[in-house]
Amino acid sequence: MSEEVKVNGLSELLAKLDSLKEQNDVYILFTGSKDSSGNSWCSDCNDADPVIKKCLPNAPEGSVFICCIVGDRSVWKDPENEFRKHPQFKLTGIPTLIKWKTANRLGPDDCKKQDLVEMIFED
């Protein structure tokens, strides 16, 4: 089973990634903030959540799964959003699931497809 970590915003994510620089299998899910009932304002994120949770046990032993909150709707929709501008992430939509230090990336529609999510974890 992989370690699961939740971070909020770019600075927390970059600090966590810095602490994991020797770690090989790091996965990052970029998602919208959630309310007290656990639902995101982002309907695509809500659709992808159960698929990703179901596939997560397939991640390599000792891997790290980071759930990164990109903010609420107004923060995310801002064209100047730090995740849209950051050269390592350049997000265009959420949810986005990436395998860190690789080109493997699933966008909003692909994060809902179990076969594609399984492939990113199986490597």
PDB file of N, CA and C in Angstrom:
ATOM      1  N   MET A   1       0.849  -1.196   0.000  1.00  0.00           N
ATOM      2  CA  MET A   1       0.000   0.000   0.000  1.00  0.00           C
ATOM      3  C   MET A   1       0.883   1.244   0.000  1.00  0.00           C
ATOM      4  N   SER A   2       0.405   2.256  -0.671  1.00  0.00           N
ATOM      5  CA  SER A   2       1.173   3.485  -0.747  1.00  0.00           C
ATOM      6  C   SER A   2       0.821   4.429   0.406  1.00  0.00           C
ATOM      7  N   GLU A   3       1.716   5.355   0.669  1.00  0.00           N
ATOM      8  CA  GLU A   3       1.471   6.391   1.666  1.00  0.00           C
ATOM      9  C   GLU A   3       0.593   7.456   1.027  1.00  0.00           C
ATOM     10  N   GLU A   4      -0.430   7.933   1.763  1.00  0.00           N
ATOM     11  CA  GLU A   4      -1.294   8.990   1.235  1.00  0.00           C
ATOM     12  C   GLU A   4      -1.068  10.269   2.021  1.00  0.00           C
ATOM     13  N   VAL A   5      -0.916  11.368   1.284  1.00  0.00           N
ATOM     14  CA  VAL A   5      -0.637  12.666   1.881  1.00  0.00           C
ATOM     15  C   VAL A   5      -1.582  13.683   1.259  1.00  0.00           C
ATOM     16  N   LYS A   6      -2.081  14.604   2.072  1.00  0.00           N
ATOM     17  CA  LYS A   6      -2.926  15.675   1.549  1.00  0.00           C
ATOM     18  C   LYS A   6      -2.197  17.000   1.735  1.00  0.00           C
ATOM     19  N   VAL A   7      -2.118  17.788   0.671  1.00  0.00           N
ATOM     20  CA  VAL A   7      -1.508  19.109   0.745  1.00  0.00           C
ATOM     21  C   VAL A   7      -2.485  20.133   0.175  1.00  0.00           C
ATOM     22  N   ASN A   8      -2.330  21.368   0.626  1.00  0.00           N
ATOM     23  CA  ASN A   8      -3.219  22.436   0.207  1.00  0.00           C
ATOM     24  C   ASN A   8      -2.395  23.547  -0.427  1.00  0.00           C
ATOM     25  N   GLY A   9      -2.492  23.694  -1.737  1.00  0.00           N
ATOM     26  CA  GLY A   9      -1.799  24.781  -2.421  1.00  0.00           C
ATOM     27  C   GLY A   9      -0.401  24.407  -2.890  1.00  0.00           C
ATOM     28  N   LEU A  10       0.144  25.291  -3.719  1.00  0.00           N
ATOM     29  CA  LEU A  10       1.426  25.037  -4.381  1.00  0.00           C
ATOM     30  C   LEU A  10       2.601  24.980  -3.409  1.00  0.00           C
ATOM     31  N   SER A  11       2.653  25.885  -2.438  1.00  0.00           N
ATOM     32  CA  SER A  11       3.826  25.899  -1.541  1.00  0.00           C
ATOM     33  C   SER A  11       3.904  24.617  -0.710  1.00  0.00           C
ATOM     34  N   GLU A  12       2.748  24.119  -0.233  1.00  0.00           N
ATOM     35  CA  GLU A  12       2.760  22.848   0.517  1.00  0.00           C
ATOM     36  C   GLU A  12       3.181  21.696  -0.384  1.00  0.00           C
ATOM     37  N   LEU A  13       2.706  21.708  -1.639  1.00  0.00           N
ATOM     38  CA  LEU A  13       3.062  20.637  -2.573  1.00  0.00           C
ATOM     39  C   LEU A  13       4.561  20.649  -2.858  1.00  0.00           C
ATOM     40  N   LEU A  14       5.107  21.820  -3.148  1.00  0.00           N
ATOM     41  CA  LEU A  14       6.536  21.900  -3.468  1.00  0.00           C
ATOM     42  C   LEU A  14       7.396  21.485  -2.273  1.00  0.00           C
ATOM     43  N   ALA A  15       6.983  21.847  -1.068  1.00  0.00           N
ATOM     44  CA  ALA A  15       7.718  21.439   0.139  1.00  0.00           C
ATOM     45  C   ALA A  15       7.684  19.921   0.297  1.00  0.00           C
ATOM     46  N   LYS A  16       6.512  19.318   0.051  1.00  0.00           N
ATOM     47  CA  LYS A  16       6.385  17.858   0.169  1.00  0.00           C
ATOM     48  C   LYS A  16       7.231  17.168  -0.891  1.00  0.00           C
ATOM     49  N   LEU A  17       7.179  17.666  -2.124  1.00  0.00           N
ATOM     50  CA  LEU A  17       7.979  17.063  -3.198  1.00  0.00           C
ATOM     51  C   LEU A  17       9.464  17.182  -2.901  1.00  0.00           C
ATOM     52  N   ASP A  18       9.870  18.296  -2.311  1.00  0.00           N
ATOM     53  CA  ASP A  18      11.274  18.478  -1.951  1.00  0.00           C
ATOM     54  C   ASP A  18      11.709  17.421  -0.936  1.00  0.00           C
ATOM     55  N   SER A  19      10.812  17.107   0.007  1.00  0.00           N
ATOM     56  CA  SER A  19      11.141  16.102   1.024  1.00  0.00           C
ATOM     57  C   SER A  19      11.142  14.687   0.444  1.00  0.00           C
ATOM     58  N   LEU A  20      10.597  14.523  -0.763  1.00  0.00           N
ATOM     59  CA  LEU A  20      10.501  13.201  -1.394  1.00  0.00           C
ATOM     60  C   LEU A  20      11.431  13.056  -2.588  1.00  0.00           C
ATOM     61  N   LYS A  21      12.452  13.913  -2.696  1.00  0.00           N
ATOM     62  CA  LYS A  21      13.236  13.907  -3.939  1.00  0.00           C
ATOM     63  C   LYS A  21      13.962  12.592  -4.199  1.00  0.00           C
ATOM     64  N   GLU A  22      14.189  11.783  -3.164  1.00  0.00           N
ATOM     65  CA  GLU A  22      14.817  10.469  -3.370  1.00  0.00           C
ATOM     66  C   GLU A  22      13.786   9.384  -3.686  1.00  0.00           C
ATOM     67  N   GLN A  23      12.514   9.724  -3.555  1.00  0.00           N
ATOM     68  CA  GLN A  23      11.417   8.763  -3.756  1.00  0.00           C
ATOM     69  C   GLN A  23      11.132   8.603  -5.250  1.00  0.00           C
ATOM     70  N   ASN A  24      11.006   7.365  -5.708  1.00  0.00           N
ATOM     71  CA  ASN A  24      10.755   7.130  -7.128  1.00  0.00           C
ATOM     72  C   ASN A  24       9.288   7.226  -7.523  1.00  0.00           C
ATOM     73  N   ASP A  25       8.436   6.513  -6.840  1.00  0.00           N
ATOM     74  CA  ASP A  25       7.032   6.441  -7.260  1.00  0.00           C
ATOM     75  C   ASP A  25       6.185   7.441  -6.485  1.00  0.00           C
ATOM     76  N   VAL A  26       6.024   8.634  -7.071  1.00  0.00           N
ATOM     77  CA  VAL A  26       5.200   9.673  -6.458  1.00  0.00           C
ATOM     78  C   VAL A  26       4.093  10.040  -7.442  1.00  0.00           C
ATOM     79  N   TYR A  27       2.870   9.975  -6.968  1.00  0.00           N
ATOM     80  CA  TYR A  27       1.701  10.307  -7.777  1.00  0.00           C
ATOM     81  C   TYR A  27       1.035  11.528  -7.160  1.00  0.00           C
ATOM     82  N   ILE A  28       0.568  12.437  -8.019  1.00  0.00           N
ATOM     83  CA  ILE A  28      -0.091  13.644  -7.521  1.00  0.00           C
ATOM     84  C   ILE A  28      -1.456  13.760  -8.187  1.00  0.00           C
ATOM     85  N   LEU A  29      -2.480  13.872  -7.362  1.00  0.00           N
ATOM     86  CA  LEU A  29      -3.825  14.152  -7.848  1.00  0.00           C
ATOM     87  C   LEU A  29      -4.135  15.605  -7.521  1.00  0.00           C
ATOM     88  N   PHE A  30      -4.365  16.398  -8.550  1.00  0.00           N
ATOM     89  CA  PHE A  30      -4.773  17.783  -8.371  1.00  0.00           C
ATOM     90  C   PHE A  30      -6.296  17.813  -8.403  1.00  0.00           C
ATOM     91  N   THR A  31      -6.903  18.358  -7.362  1.00  0.00           N
ATOM     92  CA  THR A  31      -8.352  18.313  -7.230  1.00  0.00           C
ATOM     93  C   THR A  31      -8.868  19.586  -6.560  1.00  0.00           C
ATOM     94  N   GLY A  32     -10.174  19.810  -6.670  1.00  0.00           N
ATOM     95  CA  GLY A  32     -10.787  20.987  -6.061  1.00  0.00           C
ATOM     96  C   GLY A  32     -11.028  20.781  -4.578  1.00  0.00           C
ATOM     97  N   SER A  33     -11.173  21.882  -3.855  1.00  0.00           N
ATOM     98  CA  SER A  33     -11.438  21.795  -2.417  1.00  0.00           C
ATOM     99  C   SER A  33     -12.797  21.130  -2.177  1.00  0.00           C
ATOM    100  N   LYS A  34     -12.953  20.566  -0.973  1.00  0.00           N
ATOM    101  CA  LYS A  34     -14.167  19.825  -0.630  1.00  0.00           C
ATOM    102  C   LYS A  34     -14.900  20.507   0.514  1.00  0.00           C
ATOM    103  N   ASP A  35     -16.215  20.290   0.549  1.00  0.00           N
ATOM    104  CA  ASP A  35     -17.012  20.815   1.650  1.00  0.00           C
ATOM    105  C   ASP A  35     -17.016  19.817   2.809  1.00  0.00           C
ATOM    106  N   SER A  36     -17.769  20.143   3.863  1.00  0.00           N
ATOM    107  CA  SER A  36     -17.757  19.299   5.067  1.00  0.00           C
ATOM    108  C   SER A  36     -18.307  17.897   4.801  1.00  0.00           C
ATOM    109  N   SER A  37     -19.088  17.720   3.735  1.00  0.00           N
ATOM    110  CA  SER A  37     -19.618  16.394   3.430  1.00  0.00           C
ATOM    111  C   SER A  37     -18.680  15.593   2.522  1.00  0.00           C
ATOM    112  N   GLY A  38     -17.538  16.203   2.154  1.00  0.00           N
ATOM    113  CA  GLY A  38     -16.555  15.480   1.348  1.00  0.00           C
ATOM    114  C   GLY A  38     -16.748  15.626  -0.143  1.00  0.00           C
ATOM    115  N   ASN A  39     -17.651  16.494  -0.560  1.00  0.00           N
ATOM    116  CA  ASN A  39     -17.875  16.715  -1.987  1.00  0.00           C
ATOM    117  C   ASN A  39     -17.149  17.968  -2.453  1.00  0.00           C
ATOM    118  N   SER A  40     -16.589  17.887  -3.640  1.00  0.00           N
ATOM    119  CA  SER A  40     -15.894  19.022  -4.231  1.00  0.00           C
ATOM    120  C   SER A  40     -16.877  19.870  -5.021  1.00  0.00           C
ATOM    121  N   TRP A  41     -16.548  21.131  -5.203  1.00  0.00           N
ATOM    122  CA  TRP A  41     -17.326  21.998  -6.102  1.00  0.00           C
ATOM    123  C   TRP A  41     -17.142  21.544  -7.552  1.00  0.00           C
ATOM    124  N   CYS A  42     -16.095  20.737  -7.784  1.00  0.00           N
ATOM    125  CA  CYS A  42     -15.741  20.274  -9.129  1.00  0.00           C
ATOM    126  C   CYS A  42     -16.411  18.915  -9.385  1.00  0.00           C
ATOM    127  N   SER A  43     -17.411  18.897 -10.262  1.00  0.00           N
ATOM    128  CA  SER A  43     -18.149  17.649 -10.500  1.00  0.00           C
ATOM    129  C   SER A  43     -17.253  16.569 -11.109  1.00  0.00           C
ATOM    130  N   ASP A  44     -16.298  16.962 -11.976  1.00  0.00           N
ATOM    131  CA  ASP A  44     -15.368  15.977 -12.540  1.00  0.00           C
ATOM    132  C   ASP A  44     -14.529  15.327 -11.441  1.00  0.00           C
ATOM    133  N   CYS A  45     -14.138  16.132 -10.442  1.00  0.00           N
ATOM    134  CA  CYS A  45     -13.348  15.586  -9.319  1.00  0.00           C
ATOM    135  C   CYS A  45     -14.176  14.579  -8.534  1.00  0.00           C
ATOM    136  N   ASN A  46     -15.456  14.907  -8.310  1.00  0.00           N
ATOM    137  CA  ASN A  46     -16.338  13.977  -7.594  1.00  0.00           C
ATOM    138  C   ASN A  46     -16.509  12.673  -8.377  1.00  0.00           C
ATOM    139  N   ASP A  47     -16.592  12.763  -9.713  1.00  0.00           N
ATOM    140  CA  ASP A  47     -16.739  11.565 -10.548  1.00  0.00           C
ATOM    141  C   ASP A  47     -15.466  10.711 -10.536  1.00  0.00           C
ATOM    142  N   ALA A  48     -14.315  11.367 -10.503  1.00  0.00           N
ATOM    143  CA  ALA A  48     -13.037  10.647 -10.578  1.00  0.00           C
ATOM    144  C   ALA A  48     -12.622  10.042  -9.241  1.00  0.00           C
ATOM    145  N   ASP A  49     -13.026  10.651  -8.134  1.00  0.00           N
ATOM    146  CA  ASP A  49     -12.596  10.205  -6.803  1.00  0.00           C
ATOM    147  C   ASP A  49     -12.760   8.709  -6.560  1.00  0.00           C
ATOM    148  N   PRO A  50     -13.958   8.150  -6.758  1.00  0.00           N
ATOM    149  CA  PRO A  50     -14.106   6.711  -6.468  1.00  0.00           C
ATOM    150  C   PRO A  50     -13.259   5.826  -7.379  1.00  0.00           C
ATOM    151  N   VAL A  51     -13.059   6.254  -8.626  1.00  0.00           N
ATOM    152  CA  VAL A  51     -12.245   5.472  -9.566  1.00  0.00           C
ATOM    153  C   VAL A  51     -10.794   5.448  -9.086  1.00  0.00           C
ATOM    154  N   ILE A  52     -10.281   6.607  -8.704  1.00  0.00           N
ATOM    155  CA  ILE A  52      -8.889   6.699  -8.250  1.00  0.00           C
ATOM    156  C   ILE A  52      -8.702   5.921  -6.948  1.00  0.00           C
ATOM    157  N   LYS A  53      -9.655   6.058  -6.014  1.00  0.00           N
ATOM    158  CA  LYS A  53      -9.566   5.319  -4.736  1.00  0.00           C
ATOM    159  C   LYS A  53      -9.562   3.807  -4.975  1.00  0.00           C
ATOM    160  N   LYS A  54     -10.350   3.366  -5.951  1.00  0.00           N
ATOM    161  CA  LYS A  54     -10.435   1.934  -6.258  1.00  0.00           C
ATOM    162  C   LYS A  54      -9.108   1.423  -6.832  1.00  0.00           C
ATOM    163  N   CYS A  55      -8.436   2.256  -7.623  1.00  0.00           N
ATOM    164  CA  CYS A  55      -7.202   1.831  -8.296  1.00  0.00           C
ATOM    165  C   CYS A  55      -5.949   2.034  -7.446  1.00  0.00           C
ATOM    166  N   LEU A  56      -6.039   2.878  -6.432  1.00  0.00           N
ATOM    167  CA  LEU A  56      -4.868   3.218  -5.615  1.00  0.00           C
ATOM    168  C   LEU A  56      -4.137   2.006  -5.030  1.00  0.00           C
ATOM    169  N   PRO A  57      -4.841   0.946  -4.605  1.00  0.00           N
ATOM    170  CA  PRO A  57      -4.116  -0.228  -4.095  1.00  0.00           C
ATOM    171  C   PRO A  57      -3.173  -0.853  -5.126  1.00  0.00           C
ATOM    172  N   ASN A  58      -3.348  -0.545  -6.415  1.00  0.00           N
ATOM    173  CA  ASN A  58      -2.459  -1.075  -7.454  1.00  0.00           C
ATOM    174  C   ASN A  58      -1.142  -0.314  -7.547  1.00  0.00           C
ATOM    175  N   ALA A  59      -1.033   0.804  -6.839  1.00  0.00           N
ATOM    176  CA  ALA A  59       0.209   1.588  -6.887  1.00  0.00           C
ATOM    177  C   ALA A  59       1.350   0.744  -6.319  1.00  0.00           C
ATOM    178  N   PRO A  60       2.573   0.973  -6.804  1.00  0.00           N
ATOM    179  CA  PRO A  60       3.711   0.179  -6.338  1.00  0.00           C
ATOM    180  C   PRO A  60       3.907   0.279  -4.821  1.00  0.00           C
ATOM    181  N   GLU A  61       4.380  -0.813  -4.257  1.00  0.00           N
ATOM    182  CA  GLU A  61       4.702  -0.855  -2.827  1.00  0.00           C
ATOM    183  C   GLU A  61       5.668   0.282  -2.493  1.00  0.00           C
ATOM    184  N   GLY A  62       5.367   1.024  -1.436  1.00  0.00           N
ATOM    185  CA  GLY A  62       6.265   2.090  -1.007  1.00  0.00           C
ATOM    186  C   GLY A  62       6.097   3.400  -1.754  1.00  0.00           C
ATOM    187  N   SER A  63       5.115   3.470  -2.646  1.00  0.00           N
ATOM    188  CA  SER A  63       4.908   4.720  -3.380  1.00  0.00           C
ATOM    189  C   SER A  63       4.199   5.750  -2.500  1.00  0.00           C
ATOM    190  N   VAL A  64       4.176   6.984  -2.977  1.00  0.00           N
ATOM    191  CA  VAL A  64       3.522   8.068  -2.244  1.00  0.00           C
ATOM    192  C   VAL A  64       2.454   8.674  -3.142  1.00  0.00           C
ATOM    193  N   PHE A  65       1.245   8.812  -2.596  1.00  0.00           N
ATOM    194  CA  PHE A  65       0.124   9.413  -3.311  1.00  0.00           C
ATOM    195  C   PHE A  65      -0.196  10.736  -2.633  1.00  0.00           C
ATOM    196  N   ILE A  66      -0.075  11.825  -3.381  1.00  0.00           N
ATOM    197  CA  ILE A  66      -0.342  13.158  -2.837  1.00  0.00           C
ATOM    198  C   ILE A  66      -1.643  13.677  -3.429  1.00  0.00           C
ATOM    199  N   CYS A  67      -2.569  14.023  -2.565  1.00  0.00           N
ATOM    200  CA  CYS A  67      -3.801  14.678  -2.994  1.00  0.00           C
ATOM    201  C   CYS A  67      -3.583  16.173  -2.770  1.00  0.00           C
ATOM    202  N   CYS A  68      -3.522  16.921  -3.864  1.00  0.00           N
ATOM    203  CA  CYS A  68      -3.223  18.346  -3.792  1.00  0.00           C
ATOM    204  C   CYS A  68      -4.472  19.168  -4.102  1.00  0.00           C
ATOM    205  N   ILE A  69      -4.886  19.966  -3.139  1.00  0.00           N
ATOM    206  CA  ILE A  69      -6.057  20.823  -3.304  1.00  0.00           C
ATOM    207  C   ILE A  69      -5.636  22.104  -4.028  1.00  0.00           C
ATOM    208  N   VAL A  70      -6.261  22.370  -5.177  1.00  0.00           N
ATOM    209  CA  VAL A  70      -5.898  23.564  -5.956  1.00  0.00           C
ATOM    210  C   VAL A  70      -6.700  24.794  -5.539  1.00  0.00           C
ATOM    211  N   GLY A  71      -7.688  24.611  -4.680  1.00  0.00           N
ATOM    212  CA  GLY A  71      -8.470  25.746  -4.191  1.00  0.00           C
ATOM    213  C   GLY A  71      -9.944  25.608  -4.501  1.00  0.00           C
ATOM    214  N   ASP A  72     -10.691  26.645  -4.137  1.00  0.00           N
ATOM    215  CA  ASP A  72     -12.114  26.642  -4.440  1.00  0.00           C
ATOM    216  C   ASP A  72     -12.324  27.101  -5.883  1.00  0.00           C
ATOM    217  N   ARG A  73     -13.550  27.150  -6.304  1.00  0.00           N
ATOM    218  CA  ARG A  73     -13.871  27.431  -7.701  1.00  0.00           C
ATOM    219  C   ARG A  73     -13.267  28.761  -8.184  1.00  0.00           C
ATOM    220  N   SER A  74     -13.413  29.828  -7.399  1.00  0.00           N
ATOM    221  CA  SER A  74     -12.925  31.144  -7.839  1.00  0.00           C
ATOM    222  C   SER A  74     -11.400  31.166  -7.946  1.00  0.00           C
ATOM    223  N   VAL A  75     -10.727  30.491  -7.020  1.00  0.00           N
ATOM    224  CA  VAL A  75      -9.260  30.424  -7.063  1.00  0.00           C
ATOM    225  C   VAL A  75      -8.815  29.645  -8.297  1.00  0.00           C
ATOM    226  N   TRP A  76      -9.442  28.486  -8.547  1.00  0.00           N
ATOM    227  CA  TRP A  76      -9.057  27.656  -9.683  1.00  0.00           C
ATOM    228  C   TRP A  76      -9.354  28.346 -11.009  1.00  0.00           C
ATOM    229  N   LYS A  77     -10.491  29.035 -11.119  1.00  0.00           N
ATOM    230  CA  LYS A  77     -10.908  29.638 -12.388  1.00  0.00           C
ATOM    231  C   LYS A  77     -10.066  30.860 -12.764  1.00  0.00           C
ATOM    232  N   ASP A  78      -9.313  31.400 -11.815  1.00  0.00           N
ATOM    233  CA  ASP A  78      -8.453  32.560 -12.090  1.00  0.00           C
ATOM    234  C   ASP A  78      -7.374  32.157 -13.100  1.00  0.00           C
ATOM    235  N   PRO A  79      -7.287  32.850 -14.264  1.00  0.00           N
ATOM    236  CA  PRO A  79      -6.276  32.497 -15.267  1.00  0.00           C
ATOM    237  C   PRO A  79      -4.843  32.603 -14.723  1.00  0.00           C
ATOM    238  N   GLU A  80      -4.659  33.349 -13.645  1.00  0.00           N
ATOM    239  CA  GLU A  80      -3.338  33.506 -13.034  1.00  0.00           C
ATOM    240  C   GLU A  80      -3.083  32.465 -11.934  1.00  0.00           C
ATOM    241  N   ASN A  81      -3.960  31.475 -11.815  1.00  0.00           N
ATOM    242  CA  ASN A  81      -3.799  30.442 -10.782  1.00  0.00           C
ATOM    243  C   ASN A  81      -2.382  29.855 -10.827  1.00  0.00           C
ATOM    244  N   GLU A  82      -1.779  29.709  -9.643  1.00  0.00           N
ATOM    245  CA  GLU A  82      -0.379  29.273  -9.556  1.00  0.00           C
ATOM    246  C   GLU A  82      -0.140  27.904 -10.192  1.00  0.00           C
ATOM    247  N   PHE A  83      -1.137  27.036 -10.184  1.00  0.00           N
ATOM    248  CA  PHE A  83      -0.961  25.710 -10.791  1.00  0.00           C
ATOM    249  C   PHE A  83      -1.017  25.783 -12.315  1.00  0.00           C
ATOM    250  N   ARG A  84      -1.749  26.748 -12.840  1.00  0.00           N
ATOM    251  CA  ARG A  84      -1.812  26.928 -14.297  1.00  0.00           C
ATOM    252  C   ARG A  84      -0.489  27.488 -14.816  1.00  0.00           C
ATOM    253  N   LYS A  85       0.154  28.330 -14.002  1.00  0.00           N
ATOM    254  CA  LYS A  85       1.364  29.038 -14.419  1.00  0.00           C
ATOM    255  C   LYS A  85       2.654  28.275 -14.130  1.00  0.00           C
ATOM    256  N   HIS A  86       2.635  27.404 -13.141  1.00  0.00           N
ATOM    257  CA  HIS A  86       3.872  26.742 -12.703  1.00  0.00           C
ATOM    258  C   HIS A  86       4.453  25.879 -13.820  1.00  0.00           C
ATOM    259  N   PRO A  87       5.748  26.069 -14.145  1.00  0.00           N
ATOM    260  CA  PRO A  87       6.346  25.366 -15.287  1.00  0.00           C
ATOM    261  C   PRO A  87       6.341  23.839 -15.160  1.00  0.00           C
ATOM    262  N   GLN A  88       6.320  23.305 -13.945  1.00  0.00           N
ATOM    263  CA  GLN A  88       6.337  21.842 -13.795  1.00  0.00           C
ATOM    264  C   GLN A  88       4.941  21.219 -13.885  1.00  0.00           C
ATOM    265  N   PHE A  89       3.909  22.019 -13.716  1.00  0.00           N
ATOM    266  CA  PHE A  89       2.561  21.443 -13.683  1.00  0.00           C
ATOM    267  C   PHE A  89       1.702  21.892 -14.866  1.00  0.00           C
ATOM    268  N   LYS A  90       1.648  23.183 -15.137  1.00  0.00           N
ATOM    269  CA  LYS A  90       0.871  23.739 -16.267  1.00  0.00           C
ATOM    270  C   LYS A  90      -0.501  23.077 -16.395  1.00  0.00           C
ATOM    271  N   LEU A  91      -1.259  23.081 -15.306  1.00  0.00           N
ATOM    272  CA  LEU A  91      -2.571  22.442 -15.325  1.00  0.00           C
ATOM    273  C   LEU A  91      -3.551  23.208 -16.200  1.00  0.00           C
ATOM    274  N   THR A  92      -4.355  22.479 -16.936  1.00  0.00           N
ATOM    275  CA  THR A  92      -5.405  23.103 -17.736  1.00  0.00           C
ATOM    276  C   THR A  92      -6.786  22.673 -17.248  1.00  0.00           C
ATOM    277  N   GLY A  93      -6.835  21.649 -16.416  1.00  0.00           N
ATOM    278  CA  GLY A  93      -8.111  21.170 -15.889  1.00  0.00           C
ATOM    279  C   GLY A  93      -7.893  20.305 -14.672  1.00  0.00           C
ATOM    280  N   ILE A  94      -8.961  20.130 -13.901  1.00  0.00           N
ATOM    281  CA  ILE A  94      -8.920  19.216 -12.760  1.00  0.00           C
ATOM    282  C   ILE A  94     -10.124  18.290 -12.869  1.00  0.00           C
ATOM    283  N   PRO A  95     -10.020  17.082 -12.369  1.00  0.00           N
ATOM    284  CA  PRO A  95      -8.830  16.511 -11.741  1.00  0.00           C
ATOM    285  C   PRO A  95      -7.750  16.191 -12.776  1.00  0.00           C
ATOM    286  N   THR A  96      -6.512  16.260 -12.330  1.00  0.00           N
ATOM    287  CA  THR A  96      -5.379  15.805 -13.125  1.00  0.00           C
ATOM    288  C   THR A  96      -4.554  14.894 -12.221  1.00  0.00           C
ATOM    289  N   LEU A  97      -4.199  13.728 -12.753  1.00  0.00           N
ATOM    290  CA  LEU A  97      -3.383  12.758 -12.018  1.00  0.00           C
ATOM    291  C   LEU A  97      -2.076  12.597 -12.771  1.00  0.00           C
ATOM    292  N   ILE A  98      -0.963  12.811 -12.069  1.00  0.00           N
ATOM    293  CA  ILE A  98       0.337  12.653 -12.728  1.00  0.00           C
ATOM    294  C   ILE A  98       1.229  11.713 -11.930  1.00  0.00           C
ATOM    295  N   LYS A  99       2.126  11.073 -12.649  1.00  0.00           N
ATOM    296  CA  LYS A  99       3.224  10.361 -11.983  1.00  0.00           C
ATOM    297  C   LYS A  99       4.413  11.306 -12.060  1.00  0.00           C
ATOM    298  N   TRP A 100       4.874  11.743 -10.897  1.00  0.00           N
ATOM    299  CA  TRP A 100       5.927  12.733 -10.795  1.00  0.00           C
ATOM    300  C   TRP A 100       7.208  12.240 -11.471  1.00  0.00           C
ATOM    301  N   LYS A 101       7.925  13.137 -12.115  1.00  0.00           N
ATOM    302  CA  LYS A 101       9.188  12.855 -12.815  1.00  0.00           C
ATOM    303  C   LYS A 101       8.996  11.977 -14.047  1.00  0.00           C
ATOM    304  N   THR A 102       7.753  11.916 -14.555  1.00  0.00           N
ATOM    305  CA  THR A 102       7.495  11.183 -15.804  1.00  0.00           C
ATOM    306  C   THR A 102       6.552  12.040 -16.654  1.00  0.00           C
ATOM    307  N   ALA A 103       6.300  11.580 -17.859  1.00  0.00           N
ATOM    308  CA  ALA A 103       5.349  12.267 -18.737  1.00  0.00           C
ATOM    309  C   ALA A 103       3.929  11.735 -18.534  1.00  0.00           C
ATOM    310  N   ASN A 104       3.764  10.765 -17.628  1.00  0.00           N
ATOM    311  CA  ASN A 104       2.451  10.149 -17.417  1.00  0.00           C
ATOM    312  C   ASN A 104       1.497  11.128 -16.748  1.00  0.00           C
ATOM    313  N   ARG A 105       0.382  11.416 -17.437  1.00  0.00           N
ATOM    314  CA  ARG A 105      -0.575  12.404 -16.952  1.00  0.00           C
ATOM    315  C   ARG A 105      -1.960  12.064 -17.479  1.00  0.00           C
ATOM    316  N   LEU A 106      -2.950  12.106 -16.583  1.00  0.00           N
ATOM    317  CA  LEU A 106      -4.342  11.919 -16.971  1.00  0.00           C
ATOM    318  C   LEU A 106      -5.104  13.203 -16.664  1.00  0.00           C
ATOM    319  N   GLY A 107      -5.864  13.674 -17.637  1.00  0.00           N
ATOM    320  CA  GLY A 107      -6.671  14.879 -17.456  1.00  0.00           C
ATOM    321  C   GLY A 107      -8.055  14.557 -16.910  1.00  0.00           C
ATOM    322  N   PRO A 108      -8.927  15.590 -16.862  1.00  0.00           N
ATOM    323  CA  PRO A 108     -10.246  15.438 -16.239  1.00  0.00           C
ATOM    324  C   PRO A 108     -11.072  14.271 -16.749  1.00  0.00           C
ATOM    325  N   ASP A 109     -11.135  14.046 -18.052  1.00  0.00           N
ATOM    326  CA  ASP A 109     -11.956  12.943 -18.565  1.00  0.00           C
ATOM    327  C   ASP A 109     -11.306  11.587 -18.298  1.00  0.00           C
ATOM    328  N   ASP A 110      -9.983  11.516 -18.459  1.00  0.00           N
ATOM    329  CA  ASP A 110      -9.277  10.242 -18.289  1.00  0.00           C
ATOM    330  C   ASP A 110      -9.232   9.775 -16.837  1.00  0.00           C
ATOM    331  N   CYS A 111      -9.306  10.695 -15.889  1.00  0.00           N
ATOM    332  CA  CYS A 111      -9.283  10.326 -14.464  1.00  0.00           C
ATOM    333  C   CYS A 111     -10.526   9.530 -14.058  1.00  0.00           C
ATOM    334  N   LYS A 112     -11.548   9.533 -14.906  1.00  0.00           N
ATOM    335  CA  LYS A 112     -12.782   8.793 -14.616  1.00  0.00           C
ATOM    336  C   LYS A 112     -12.746   7.392 -15.219  1.00  0.00           C
ATOM    337  N   LYS A 113     -11.702   7.090 -16.000  1.00  0.00           N
ATOM    338  CA  LYS A 113     -11.627   5.811 -16.714  1.00  0.00           C
ATOM    339  C   LYS A 113     -10.717   4.843 -15.963  1.00  0.00           C
ATOM    340  N   GLN A 114     -11.327   3.812 -15.390  1.00  0.00           N
ATOM    341  CA  GLN A 114     -10.594   2.896 -14.516  1.00  0.00           C
ATOM    342  C   GLN A 114      -9.388   2.271 -15.203  1.00  0.00           C
ATOM    343  N   ASP A 115      -9.517   1.884 -16.467  1.00  0.00           N
ATOM    344  CA  ASP A 115      -8.395   1.218 -17.136  1.00  0.00           C
ATOM    345  C   ASP A 115      -7.190   2.166 -17.261  1.00  0.00           C
ATOM    346  N   LEU A 116      -7.434   3.437 -17.527  1.00  0.00           N
ATOM    347  CA  LEU A 116      -6.329   4.389 -17.660  1.00  0.00           C
ATOM    348  C   LEU A 116      -5.697   4.703 -16.307  1.00  0.00           C
ATOM    349  N   VAL A 117      -6.534   4.830 -15.274  1.00  0.00           N
ATOM    350  CA  VAL A 117      -6.017   5.097 -13.927  1.00  0.00           C
ATOM    351  C   VAL A 117      -5.174   3.901 -13.462  1.00  0.00           C
ATOM    352  N   GLU A 118      -5.653   2.683 -13.730  1.00  0.00           N
ATOM    353  CA  GLU A 118      -4.877   1.495 -13.354  1.00  0.00           C
ATOM    354  C   GLU A 118      -3.522   1.490 -14.047  1.00  0.00           C
ATOM    355  N   MET A 119      -3.504   1.893 -15.325  1.00  0.00           N
ATOM    356  CA  MET A 119      -2.246   1.883 -16.080  1.00  0.00           C
ATOM    357  C   MET A 119      -1.231   2.867 -15.484  1.00  0.00           C
ATOM    358  N   ILE A 120      -1.687   4.026 -15.047  1.00  0.00           N
ATOM    359  CA  ILE A 120      -0.736   5.009 -14.497  1.00  0.00           C
ATOM    360  C   ILE A 120      -0.125   4.475 -13.198  1.00  0.00           C
ATOM    361  N   PHE A 121      -0.891   3.720 -12.412  1.00  0.00           N
ATOM    362  CA  PHE A 121      -0.375   3.160 -11.153  1.00  0.00           C
ATOM    363  C   PHE A 121       0.486   1.918 -11.384  1.00  0.00           C
ATOM    364  N   GLU A 122       0.202   1.174 -12.428  1.00  0.00           N
ATOM    365  CA  GLU A 122       0.927  -0.082 -12.649  1.00  0.00           C
ATOM    366  C   GLU A 122       2.308   0.148 -13.258  1.00  0.00           C
ATOM    367  N   ASP A 123       2.396   1.157 -14.124  1.00  0.00           N
ATOM    368  CA  ASP A 123       3.690   1.500 -14.733  1.00  0.00           C
ATOM    369  C   ASP A 123       4.365   0.316 -15.359  1.00  0.00           C
TER     370      ASP A 123
END
